[in-house]
Amino acid sequence: GYGENRTEHIQVLMGYLFERSMLFGEIFISGNKKGCLLIKYSHREKITLKTIRLDIQLVVKCIGIKNIYKVIKRQKIATRNYPKEEHIRPVIFGVKNEFKGGVTAARLMLNVKKYYKNNTLPVLIDAAATYNVQLYKKFGFRIIKKENLLGFPIYFLRIN
């Protein structure tokens, strides 16, 4: 869990997501270098020795053995709600705290939308925070499903 090592755990998680996006997707950085968007392509993902090592590091340094069941349960819900067809999945969208609420996130998202303007693959994302759901809806995502199996809502959103 997070507890007293929250900052360290978040750094490990971000490193994990970054590495997987480097392997199976793309990374977009805002012009002012204060925001980023990590993306994965479903059709590029595969299990390799490197991904197994990354998964083990994530469990040992971040999730903890006792929380594996919760993580696997959430992953099963996500997997069940994502299509088997090829799709693009924004993994995480982050902006430095002092730039939240400004134009950094909006500009980055608009640039990424422009980059993908000829894309025909569905773009899917899941979010638990209502604030994030509202933000994604502003960028054209629509809610396709809401799950409450974990005691809190998880929204699945889609474009295309």
Protein backbone atom coordinates (compact mmCIF):
# COMPACT_ATOMS: atom_id res chain seq x y z
CA GLY A 1 0.00 0.00 0.00
CA TYR A 2 0.92 3.65 0.07
CA GLY A 3 1.22 4.56 3.77
CA GLU A 4 4.39 6.33 4.84
CA ASN A 5 6.26 5.61 1.60
CA ARG A 6 3.60 7.22 -0.61
CA THR A 7 6.02 9.40 -2.60
CA GLU A 8 8.38 6.49 -3.24
CA HIS A 9 5.48 4.22 -4.24
CA ILE A 10 4.12 6.81 -6.66
CA GLN A 11 7.59 7.20 -8.21
CA VAL A 12 7.84 3.43 -8.67
CA LEU A 13 4.35 3.29 -10.21
CA MET A 14 5.11 6.20 -12.56
CA GLY A 15 8.38 4.54 -13.59
CA TYR A 16 6.50 1.31 -14.30
CA LEU A 17 3.85 3.08 -16.41
CA PHE A 18 6.56 5.03 -18.25
CA GLU A 19 8.54 1.88 -19.10
CA ARG A 20 5.45 0.05 -20.36
CA SER A 21 4.47 3.06 -22.47
CA MET A 22 7.98 3.18 -23.93
CA LEU A 23 7.70 -0.51 -24.83
CA PHE A 24 4.14 -0.58 -26.12
CA GLY A 25 3.03 2.96 -26.87
CA GLU A 26 4.06 6.57 -26.95
CA ILE A 27 4.82 9.39 -24.56
CA PHE A 28 3.68 12.94 -25.16
CA ILE A 29 5.22 15.85 -23.25
CA SER A 30 3.71 19.33 -23.11
CA GLY A 31 5.54 22.24 -24.74
CA ASN A 32 6.42 23.71 -21.34
CA LYS A 33 7.55 20.25 -20.11
CA LYS A 34 5.15 20.41 -17.15
CA GLY A 35 2.69 17.76 -18.32
CA CYS A 36 2.74 14.37 -19.99
CA LEU A 37 0.43 11.75 -21.40
CA LEU A 38 1.43 8.09 -21.53
CA ILE A 39 -0.31 5.92 -24.12
CA LYS A 40 -0.32 2.17 -24.85
CA TYR A 41 -1.48 0.34 -27.97
CA SER A 42 -3.31 -2.89 -27.16
CA HIS A 43 -1.99 -4.65 -30.26
CA ARG A 44 1.64 -3.99 -29.28
CA GLU A 45 1.43 -5.33 -25.74
CA LYS A 46 3.03 -8.68 -25.01
CA ILE A 47 4.65 -10.54 -22.16
CA THR A 48 8.45 -10.52 -22.23
CA LEU A 49 11.19 -11.10 -19.68
CA LYS A 50 11.40 -7.32 -19.28
CA THR A 51 7.66 -6.95 -18.58
CA ILE A 52 7.79 -9.80 -16.07
CA ARG A 53 10.71 -8.07 -14.32
CA LEU A 54 8.80 -4.76 -14.32
CA ASP A 55 5.71 -6.48 -12.87
CA ILE A 56 7.74 -8.12 -10.10
CA GLN A 57 9.44 -4.81 -9.24
CA LEU A 58 6.04 -3.11 -9.08
CA VAL A 59 4.71 -5.75 -6.67
CA VAL A 60 7.80 -5.69 -4.44
CA LYS A 61 8.44 -1.92 -4.39
CA CYS A 62 4.93 -0.49 -4.68
CA ILE A 63 1.86 -2.69 -4.45
CA GLY A 64 2.95 -5.16 -1.80
CA ILE A 65 2.06 -8.83 -1.69
CA LYS A 66 -1.05 -8.23 0.46
CA ASN A 67 -2.58 -5.89 -2.15
CA ILE A 68 -2.06 -8.09 -5.22
CA TYR A 69 -5.61 -9.46 -5.02
CA LYS A 70 -7.14 -5.95 -5.15
CA VAL A 71 -4.98 -5.00 -8.13
CA ILE A 72 -5.77 -8.21 -10.01
CA LYS A 73 -9.49 -7.73 -9.30
CA ARG A 74 -9.38 -4.19 -10.75
CA GLN A 75 -7.40 -5.42 -13.77
CA LYS A 76 -9.99 -8.16 -14.40
CA ILE A 77 -12.77 -5.55 -14.37
CA ALA A 78 -10.80 -3.34 -16.78
CA THR A 79 -9.97 -6.25 -19.09
CA ARG A 80 -13.61 -7.31 -19.18
CA ASN A 81 -14.66 -3.79 -20.21
CA TYR A 82 -12.02 -3.17 -22.86
CA PRO A 83 -12.69 -4.56 -26.34
CA LYS A 84 -10.70 -7.42 -27.81
CA GLU A 85 -10.23 -5.28 -30.94
CA GLU A 86 -7.12 -3.12 -31.30
CA HIS A 87 -7.39 0.12 -29.36
CA ILE A 88 -5.41 2.98 -27.91
CA ARG A 89 -5.31 3.40 -24.17
CA PRO A 90 -4.15 6.58 -22.44
CA VAL A 91 -2.50 5.17 -19.33
CA ILE A 92 -1.97 8.30 -17.28
CA PHE A 93 -2.27 12.01 -17.87
CA GLY A 94 -0.34 14.19 -15.46
CA VAL A 95 0.46 17.84 -14.94
CA LYS A 96 2.70 19.32 -12.23
CA ASN A 97 0.55 20.61 -9.37
CA GLU A 98 1.42 24.26 -9.89
CA PHE A 99 0.21 24.01 -13.52
CA LYS A 100 -3.11 22.26 -12.81
CA GLY A 101 -6.14 24.27 -13.83
CA GLY A 102 -4.09 26.21 -16.38
CA VAL A 103 -3.64 25.65 -20.09
CA THR A 104 -0.93 22.96 -19.92
CA ALA A 105 -3.33 19.99 -19.83
CA ALA A 106 -5.67 21.47 -22.44
CA ARG A 107 -2.87 22.30 -24.89
CA LEU A 108 -1.29 18.87 -24.49
CA MET A 109 -4.61 17.11 -25.02
CA LEU A 110 -5.40 19.24 -28.08
CA ASN A 111 -1.96 18.49 -29.55
CA VAL A 112 -2.44 14.76 -28.97
CA LYS A 113 -5.93 14.90 -30.54
CA LYS A 114 -4.42 16.66 -33.57
CA TYR A 115 -1.68 13.99 -33.77
CA TYR A 116 -4.38 11.28 -33.87
CA LYS A 117 -6.82 13.14 -36.14
CA ASN A 118 -6.75 10.35 -38.76
CA ASN A 119 -6.90 7.57 -36.18
CA THR A 120 -9.72 5.07 -36.58
CA LEU A 121 -8.91 2.92 -33.56
CA PRO A 122 -11.09 3.38 -30.49
CA VAL A 123 -9.45 5.30 -27.65
CA LEU A 124 -10.48 3.93 -24.26
CA ILE A 125 -9.75 5.07 -20.74
CA ASP A 126 -10.94 4.21 -17.26
CA ALA A 127 -11.22 6.63 -14.36
CA ALA A 128 -12.39 6.44 -10.76
CA ALA A 129 -12.29 10.16 -9.93
CA THR A 130 -15.35 12.16 -10.99
CA TYR A 131 -13.09 15.15 -11.73
CA ASN A 132 -11.15 13.09 -14.29
CA VAL A 133 -14.35 11.77 -15.85
CA GLN A 134 -15.58 15.34 -16.34
CA LEU A 135 -12.20 16.36 -17.82
CA TYR A 136 -12.19 13.46 -20.29
CA LYS A 137 -15.77 14.25 -21.31
CA LYS A 138 -14.65 17.80 -22.18
CA PHE A 139 -12.20 16.25 -24.64
CA GLY A 140 -14.88 14.20 -26.36
CA PHE A 141 -14.86 10.94 -24.40
CA ARG A 142 -18.24 9.45 -23.57
CA ILE A 143 -19.06 7.08 -20.72
CA ILE A 144 -19.77 3.60 -22.04
CA LYS A 145 -19.95 1.73 -18.73
CA LYS A 146 -19.79 2.26 -14.98
CA GLU A 147 -18.72 -0.52 -12.61
CA ASN A 148 -19.15 -0.51 -8.82
CA LEU A 149 -17.74 -3.94 -7.97
CA LEU A 150 -14.85 -2.63 -5.88
CA GLY A 151 -16.90 -0.39 -3.60
CA PHE A 152 -16.23 2.72 -5.67
CA PRO A 153 -17.20 3.63 -9.22
CA ILE A 154 -14.92 2.98 -12.17
CA TYR A 155 -16.00 4.72 -15.36
CA PHE A 156 -15.04 3.41 -18.79
CA LEU A 157 -14.92 6.08 -21.48
CA ARG A 158 -14.40 5.96 -25.23
CA ILE A 159 -13.77 8.02 -28.36
CA ASN A 160 -14.31 6.44 -31.85
